[in-house]
Amino acid sequence: MHDPEISSVRVLEPIRDSPAVEMPVFGALLGTMRGARGLWFVVPFTVPGTTGAFASGGVSAVPALVLVLLVMGVLAWRAPWSIPWKALAELARKEPFRELSLPPEGLFAVGAKVYFRLPGAEVSWAETRLPKPARLQLTAQRRVWLLGPDEKGRRFLQLPGVLWPHRVRTVSALPGGAARLDAVEQRRVPLEEDVVLRAHRRRVVGGIRSWFVAVAVTLTLFMALQIVAISEGSINDAAGIILVGVASMVLPILAFDAVKGMLKPLPLGGWTELVAVPHRPPLVGASGLATLACRVQWPNGWWSDVYLSKVDPALVANIWATQRLWIIGEPFRGATTFAGVPGHAVLGRVKFS
């Protein structure tokens, strides 16, 4: 039984008995992320002077090697729980998501890892690593969508209303120290009590700040090593270092301008539900963020256009699938505010024309 208040909030769900790729926006996200993942392996070699530095060897190869090791270190750190996008895309084209409802006593956790029984005759448990907003949402909803297993036994998990998948491992028993996650009442609450949304925003803000720190450290280190190599006469690539210097200043500024709205505090006020009619299907960019333009009906009957740029693809997928836009506070012409889905780890910015 779903709480009637939450059930009234329509959200994005996989299409039953249809290949998973047919879920709105999910196919576009798979294609984008499968291609974007490969860019991580070529980015270090596109920096001016990197290829030549490797060829020349000596001190000049140090900055290039540092950059490559940084990128590879990040990839290795994320590898155990990263999504194999190619395998996921192949599975999504053939198999549907299957809904699984968890009993009140059937959810356990150890740190960030969550465990629940898999359906079937054999006793097996699903193990998945979830961020805090997803754990809070799952604790309240007790409902997941599973895809797989494939020929290698890989499974993937999705939460209602959320587009990003999570990798699932199969284990034979619960680990020692696993604590039961007690069921909590699921109802639509005032914004200040929406623990899922607030935890999600903290994670988004923390991720943005961490990204900028990582970019700043990497670019500073790389430029410092390049300057040392040039001053010692190991390489003569002044044009390259100038280009890197300009990019290191311009690109972070452009990136900050795109995400600075997400760093603002959430406004006061409750949720406002608006009817939304998209002008065209959402577009998912190479960054994995999405864009959508649509026409919305205000509570007083007025109509206006709204635009969402570089937002979580789950937000535009929910709008596309449900024809509803949830904003925080009241709509104002020319204003930009937060939009999301009550009780779900979905948040973004929307601009009213």
Protein backbone atom coordinates (compact mmCIF):
# COMPACT_ATOMS: atom_id res chain seq x y z
CA MET A 1 0.00 0.00 0.00
CA HIS A 2 1.36 3.37 -1.02
CA ASP A 3 0.52 6.44 1.03
CA PRO A 4 -2.24 8.35 -0.82
CA GLU A 5 -0.38 11.65 -0.51
CA ILE A 6 2.74 10.24 -2.15
CA SER A 7 0.76 8.23 -4.69
CA SER A 8 -0.75 11.49 -5.90
CA VAL A 9 2.75 12.58 -6.97
CA ARG A 10 3.16 10.96 -10.36
CA VAL A 11 6.77 10.15 -11.14
CA LEU A 12 8.88 8.61 -13.87
CA GLU A 13 8.67 4.82 -13.93
CA PRO A 14 10.00 2.17 -16.34
CA ILE A 15 7.47 0.85 -18.85
CA ARG A 16 6.30 -2.56 -17.71
CA ASP A 17 7.06 -5.55 -19.96
CA SER A 18 8.94 -3.31 -22.43
CA PRO A 19 12.70 -3.10 -22.96
CA ALA A 20 14.23 -0.79 -20.38
CA VAL A 21 15.61 1.48 -23.10
CA GLU A 22 12.04 2.60 -23.92
CA MET A 23 11.71 4.47 -20.63
CA PRO A 24 11.64 8.22 -21.37
CA VAL A 25 15.13 9.78 -21.70
CA PHE A 26 16.84 6.60 -20.43
CA GLY A 27 17.93 5.52 -23.91
CA ALA A 28 19.43 8.96 -24.64
CA LEU A 29 21.27 8.90 -21.30
CA LEU A 30 22.72 5.46 -22.04
CA GLY A 31 24.00 6.56 -25.44
CA THR A 32 25.51 9.76 -24.07
CA MET A 33 27.25 8.20 -21.07
CA ARG A 34 28.57 5.28 -23.09
CA GLY A 35 30.32 7.73 -25.42
CA ALA A 36 31.36 10.23 -22.74
CA ARG A 37 33.06 7.56 -20.64
CA GLY A 38 35.59 6.95 -23.41
CA LEU A 39 36.60 10.62 -23.41
CA TRP A 40 38.28 10.19 -19.99
CA PHE A 41 40.92 8.03 -21.66
CA VAL A 42 41.77 10.57 -24.38
CA VAL A 43 41.46 13.86 -22.45
CA PRO A 44 45.04 13.74 -21.06
CA PHE A 45 46.42 13.34 -24.57
CA THR A 46 44.51 16.35 -25.95
CA VAL A 47 46.29 18.84 -23.70
CA PRO A 48 48.83 20.89 -25.72
CA GLY A 49 52.30 19.41 -25.51
CA THR A 50 51.26 16.13 -23.89
CA THR A 51 51.95 13.84 -26.84
CA GLY A 52 55.20 15.58 -27.64
CA ALA A 53 56.25 15.41 -24.04
CA PHE A 54 55.84 11.65 -23.96
CA ALA A 55 57.81 11.37 -27.18
CA SER A 56 60.69 13.51 -25.95
CA GLY A 57 60.96 11.88 -22.51
CA GLY A 58 62.99 13.36 -19.66
CA VAL A 59 61.65 16.16 -17.48
CA SER A 60 59.17 17.20 -20.17
CA ALA A 61 57.29 13.93 -19.74
CA VAL A 62 56.66 14.55 -16.04
CA PRO A 63 53.64 16.91 -16.34
CA ALA A 64 52.02 14.70 -18.95
CA LEU A 65 52.59 11.62 -16.82
CA VAL A 66 51.16 13.34 -13.72
CA LEU A 67 47.98 14.31 -15.59
CA VAL A 68 47.51 10.81 -16.99
CA LEU A 69 48.07 9.24 -13.56
CA LEU A 70 45.54 11.59 -11.97
CA VAL A 71 42.86 10.64 -14.48
CA MET A 72 43.64 6.93 -14.28
CA GLY A 73 43.67 7.11 -10.48
CA VAL A 74 40.17 8.55 -10.45
CA LEU A 75 38.98 5.85 -12.84
CA ALA A 76 40.55 3.09 -10.74
CA TRP A 77 39.01 4.51 -7.54
CA ARG A 78 35.54 4.51 -9.08
CA ALA A 79 35.90 1.21 -10.96
CA PRO A 80 34.44 -1.24 -8.39
CA TRP A 81 31.02 0.44 -8.39
CA SER A 82 31.10 2.28 -11.71
CA ILE A 83 28.46 1.49 -14.31
CA PRO A 84 29.57 -0.62 -17.31
CA TRP A 85 27.54 1.51 -19.73
CA LYS A 86 28.08 -0.76 -22.74
CA ALA A 87 26.80 -3.84 -20.89
CA LEU A 88 23.92 -1.85 -19.41
CA ALA A 89 22.91 -0.53 -22.84
CA GLU A 90 22.96 -4.00 -24.38
CA LEU A 91 20.87 -5.41 -21.53
CA ALA A 92 18.42 -2.48 -21.63
CA ARG A 93 17.71 -3.11 -25.31
CA LYS A 94 16.64 -6.69 -24.58
CA GLU A 95 15.23 -6.86 -21.06
CA PRO A 96 12.61 -4.90 -19.09
CA PHE A 97 12.93 -3.48 -15.61
CA ARG A 98 11.08 -5.58 -13.05
CA GLU A 99 9.48 -4.01 -9.98
CA LEU A 100 10.34 -5.40 -6.59
CA SER A 101 8.51 -4.38 -3.41
CA LEU A 102 10.44 -4.93 -0.18
CA PRO A 103 8.77 -6.06 3.05
CA PRO A 104 9.02 -3.77 6.09
CA GLU A 105 11.65 -6.02 7.66
CA GLY A 106 13.53 -6.77 4.44
CA LEU A 107 16.02 -3.89 4.11
CA PHE A 108 19.48 -3.82 5.74
CA ALA A 109 22.52 -1.57 5.54
CA VAL A 110 26.20 -1.43 6.39
CA GLY A 111 27.45 2.10 5.85
CA ALA A 112 26.57 3.14 2.30
CA LYS A 113 25.82 -0.43 1.21
CA VAL A 114 22.21 -1.61 1.20
CA TYR A 115 21.01 -5.24 1.18
CA PHE A 116 17.70 -6.91 0.34
CA ARG A 117 16.55 -10.39 -0.68
CA LEU A 118 16.39 -11.18 -4.37
CA PRO A 119 13.35 -13.04 -5.69
CA GLY A 120 13.85 -16.71 -6.56
CA ALA A 121 14.12 -20.14 -5.01
CA GLU A 122 17.75 -19.77 -3.93
CA VAL A 123 18.59 -17.58 -0.98
CA SER A 124 20.57 -14.66 -2.36
CA TRP A 125 20.91 -11.03 -1.42
CA ALA A 126 21.38 -7.90 -3.48
CA GLU A 127 24.20 -5.60 -2.42
CA THR A 128 24.32 -2.07 -3.80
CA ARG A 129 26.12 1.11 -2.80
CA LEU A 130 23.73 4.05 -2.60
CA PRO A 131 24.33 7.71 -1.74
CA LYS A 132 22.49 9.02 1.30
CA PRO A 133 19.54 10.59 -0.62
CA ALA A 134 18.88 7.30 -2.41
CA ARG A 135 19.08 5.34 0.86
CA LEU A 136 16.57 7.69 2.48
CA GLN A 137 14.24 7.40 -0.50
CA LEU A 138 14.48 3.60 -0.54
CA THR A 139 13.92 3.41 3.22
CA ALA A 140 10.66 5.30 2.80
CA GLN A 141 9.39 3.75 -0.43
CA ARG A 142 10.55 0.12 -0.11
CA ARG A 143 10.31 -0.24 -3.88
CA VAL A 144 12.96 -0.70 -6.57
CA TRP A 145 13.20 -1.56 -10.26
CA LEU A 146 15.73 -4.27 -11.18
CA LEU A 147 17.29 -4.94 -14.58
CA GLY A 148 19.07 -8.21 -15.26
CA PRO A 149 20.91 -10.42 -14.67
CA ASP A 150 22.86 -10.58 -17.93
CA GLU A 151 25.05 -13.49 -19.03
CA LYS A 152 27.72 -12.39 -16.51
CA GLY A 153 25.23 -12.13 -13.66
CA ARG A 154 25.27 -8.32 -13.54
CA ARG A 155 22.19 -6.52 -12.26
CA PHE A 156 21.25 -2.85 -12.12
CA LEU A 157 18.87 -0.97 -9.86
CA GLN A 158 16.76 2.13 -10.32
CA LEU A 159 14.58 3.99 -7.85
CA PRO A 160 11.17 5.44 -8.79
CA GLY A 161 11.46 8.90 -10.28
CA VAL A 162 15.25 8.73 -10.52
CA LEU A 163 17.03 8.07 -13.80
CA TRP A 164 20.60 7.21 -12.78
CA PRO A 165 21.15 3.44 -12.36
CA HIS A 166 23.14 1.70 -9.64
CA ARG A 167 25.18 -1.46 -9.93
CA VAL A 168 24.00 -4.48 -7.95
CA ARG A 169 26.10 -7.39 -6.72
CA THR A 170 24.75 -10.76 -5.58
CA VAL A 171 25.94 -12.14 -2.24
CA SER A 172 24.96 -15.37 -0.50
CA ALA A 173 24.39 -13.91 2.97
CA LEU A 174 24.18 -10.67 4.89
CA PRO A 175 27.54 -9.41 6.18
CA GLY A 176 28.19 -9.19 9.86
CA GLY A 177 27.03 -5.95 11.39
CA ALA A 178 24.20 -5.40 8.92
CA ALA A 179 21.52 -3.26 10.58
CA ARG A 180 17.87 -3.40 9.67
CA LEU A 181 16.45 -0.18 8.21
CA ASP A 182 13.07 0.27 9.82
CA ALA A 183 10.21 1.39 7.62
CA VAL A 184 9.28 5.06 7.93
CA GLU A 185 6.00 6.76 7.16
CA GLN A 186 5.96 7.94 3.58
CA ARG A 187 4.02 11.11 3.06
CA ARG A 188 4.44 14.43 1.38
CA VAL A 189 5.89 16.80 3.95
CA PRO A 190 6.74 20.50 4.02
CA LEU A 191 9.93 21.34 2.18
CA GLU A 192 11.93 21.88 5.38
CA GLU A 193 11.06 18.30 6.43
CA ASP A 194 11.81 16.66 3.08
CA VAL A 195 14.96 14.83 4.17
CA VAL A 196 15.45 13.16 0.77
CA LEU A 197 15.46 16.41 -1.18
CA ARG A 198 17.64 18.23 1.33
CA ALA A 199 20.17 15.40 1.47
CA HIS A 200 20.22 15.36 -2.34
CA ARG A 201 20.88 19.10 -2.50
CA ARG A 202 23.76 18.80 0.00
CA ARG A 203 25.25 16.06 -2.15
CA VAL A 204 24.91 18.13 -5.33
CA VAL A 205 26.50 21.19 -3.71
CA GLY A 206 29.31 19.08 -2.26
CA GLY A 207 29.91 17.47 -5.64
CA ILE A 208 30.13 20.85 -7.40
CA ARG A 209 32.61 22.21 -4.88
CA SER A 210 34.72 19.04 -5.00
CA TRP A 211 34.78 19.17 -8.80
CA PHE A 212 36.05 22.75 -8.83
CA VAL A 213 38.72 21.96 -6.25
CA ALA A 214 39.89 18.94 -8.26
CA VAL A 215 40.00 20.95 -11.49
CA ALA A 216 41.90 23.80 -9.82
CA VAL A 217 44.47 21.47 -8.26
CA THR A 218 44.98 19.51 -11.49
CA LEU A 219 45.39 22.58 -13.71
CA THR A 220 47.68 24.34 -11.22
CA LEU A 221 49.90 21.29 -10.87
CA PHE A 222 50.06 20.71 -14.60
CA MET A 223 50.89 24.34 -15.42
CA ALA A 224 53.54 24.48 -12.68
CA LEU A 225 55.28 21.38 -14.02
CA GLN A 226 55.07 22.69 -17.60
CA ILE A 227 56.62 26.01 -16.57
CA VAL A 228 59.45 24.22 -14.79
CA ALA A 229 60.11 22.06 -17.84
CA ILE A 230 60.12 25.09 -20.16
CA SER A 231 62.42 27.10 -17.85
CA GLU A 232 64.90 24.22 -17.80
CA GLY A 233 64.86 24.04 -21.57
CA SER A 234 63.46 20.51 -21.61
CA ILE A 235 60.62 21.54 -23.92
CA ASN A 236 59.79 24.57 -25.99
CA ASP A 237 56.01 24.70 -26.03
CA ALA A 238 55.18 28.26 -25.01
CA ALA A 239 52.09 28.32 -27.23
CA GLY A 240 50.80 25.20 -25.53
CA ILE A 241 51.31 26.55 -22.03
CA ILE A 242 49.57 29.81 -22.98
CA LEU A 243 46.61 27.90 -24.38
CA VAL A 244 46.40 25.75 -21.25
CA GLY A 245 46.60 28.87 -19.09
CA VAL A 246 43.75 30.55 -20.95
CA ALA A 247 41.64 27.38 -20.81
CA SER A 248 42.34 26.97 -17.09
CA MET A 249 40.87 30.42 -16.47
CA VAL A 250 38.02 30.49 -18.99
CA LEU A 251 36.59 26.98 -18.68
CA PRO A 252 36.08 27.02 -14.88
CA ILE A 253 34.42 30.44 -15.19
CA LEU A 254 32.01 29.11 -17.81
CA ALA A 255 31.34 26.00 -15.73
CA PHE A 256 30.70 28.05 -12.60
CA ASP A 257 28.25 30.28 -14.47
CA ALA A 258 26.32 27.17 -15.51
CA VAL A 259 26.02 25.68 -12.00
CA LYS A 260 26.09 28.70 -9.67
CA GLY A 261 22.30 28.63 -9.32
CA MET A 262 22.48 25.21 -7.63
CA LEU A 263 24.66 26.73 -4.89
CA LYS A 264 21.90 29.10 -3.82
CA PRO A 265 19.83 28.16 -0.75
CA LEU A 266 16.42 26.61 -1.31
CA PRO A 267 13.68 29.26 -1.20
CA LEU A 268 11.00 29.35 1.45
CA GLY A 269 7.56 28.03 0.62
CA GLY A 270 5.94 24.76 -0.32
CA TRP A 271 5.58 22.83 -3.53
CA THR A 272 3.53 24.15 -6.45
CA GLU A 273 2.38 21.67 -9.11
CA LEU A 274 2.05 23.02 -12.68
CA VAL A 275 0.74 21.36 -15.83
CA ALA A 276 3.65 21.22 -18.31
CA VAL A 277 3.54 20.62 -22.07
CA PRO A 278 7.05 20.11 -23.52
CA HIS A 279 7.77 21.75 -26.87
CA ARG A 280 10.03 18.89 -27.98
CA PRO A 281 11.78 15.84 -26.49
CA PRO A 282 14.53 16.51 -23.92
CA LEU A 283 18.13 16.72 -25.07
CA VAL A 284 20.94 15.05 -23.08
CA GLY A 285 24.36 16.65 -23.59
CA ALA A 286 27.81 15.10 -23.46
CA SER A 287 28.09 16.10 -19.79
CA GLY A 288 25.09 13.91 -18.93
CA LEU A 289 22.96 16.97 -18.12
CA ALA A 290 19.73 17.70 -19.94
CA THR A 291 17.79 20.57 -21.52
CA LEU A 292 14.03 21.00 -21.97
CA ALA A 293 11.66 23.79 -22.97
CA CYS A 294 7.96 23.56 -22.23
CA ARG A 295 4.79 25.55 -21.71
CA VAL A 296 3.23 25.52 -18.25
CA GLN A 297 -0.14 26.48 -16.83
CA TRP A 298 -0.07 28.53 -13.65
CA PRO A 299 -2.55 27.93 -10.80
CA ASN A 300 -4.50 31.03 -11.91
CA GLY A 301 -4.89 29.68 -15.45
CA TRP A 302 -2.14 31.71 -17.13
CA TRP A 303 0.25 30.04 -19.56
CA SER A 304 3.94 30.81 -20.00
CA ASP A 305 7.12 29.21 -21.31
CA VAL A 306 9.80 27.76 -19.04
CA TYR A 307 13.31 26.57 -19.83
CA LEU A 308 15.50 24.04 -18.04
CA SER A 309 19.17 24.03 -19.04
CA LYS A 310 21.95 21.70 -17.84
CA VAL A 311 19.82 19.95 -15.24
CA ASP A 312 19.54 16.41 -13.91
CA PRO A 313 18.07 14.31 -16.76
CA ALA A 314 15.71 12.74 -14.20
CA LEU A 315 14.01 16.12 -13.78
CA VAL A 316 13.24 16.56 -17.48
CA ALA A 317 12.32 12.87 -17.77
CA ASN A 318 9.74 13.28 -14.99
CA ILE A 319 8.28 16.33 -16.74
CA TRP A 320 8.19 14.52 -20.09
CA ALA A 321 6.60 11.37 -18.62
CA THR A 322 4.04 12.98 -16.29
CA GLN A 323 3.30 16.36 -17.91
CA ARG A 324 3.81 17.91 -14.48
CA LEU A 325 6.38 20.39 -13.17
CA TRP A 326 6.90 20.73 -9.41
CA ILE A 327 8.52 24.01 -8.32
CA ILE A 328 9.45 25.33 -4.89
CA GLY A 329 7.41 28.40 -4.04
CA GLU A 330 5.17 30.38 -6.39
CA PRO A 331 5.89 31.06 -10.09
CA PHE A 332 6.91 34.57 -11.17
CA ARG A 333 7.53 35.83 -14.70
CA GLY A 334 11.23 36.20 -15.45
CA ALA A 335 12.23 34.37 -12.27
CA THR A 336 14.51 31.36 -11.90
CA THR A 337 13.74 28.91 -9.11
CA PHE A 338 14.22 25.33 -8.02
CA ALA A 339 12.21 22.44 -9.41
CA GLY A 340 12.17 18.79 -8.35
CA VAL A 341 9.95 15.93 -7.28
CA PRO A 342 8.63 15.80 -3.69
CA GLY A 343 10.23 13.01 -1.67
CA HIS A 344 12.67 12.03 -4.46
CA ALA A 345 16.36 12.70 -5.13
CA VAL A 346 15.62 15.01 -8.07
CA LEU A 347 16.45 18.73 -8.18
CA GLY A 348 17.24 21.39 -10.77
CA ARG A 349 16.70 24.99 -11.82
CA VAL A 350 13.90 26.27 -14.05
CA LYS A 351 13.58 29.72 -15.65
CA PHE A 352 10.20 31.33 -16.33
CA SER A 353 9.89 33.60 -19.36
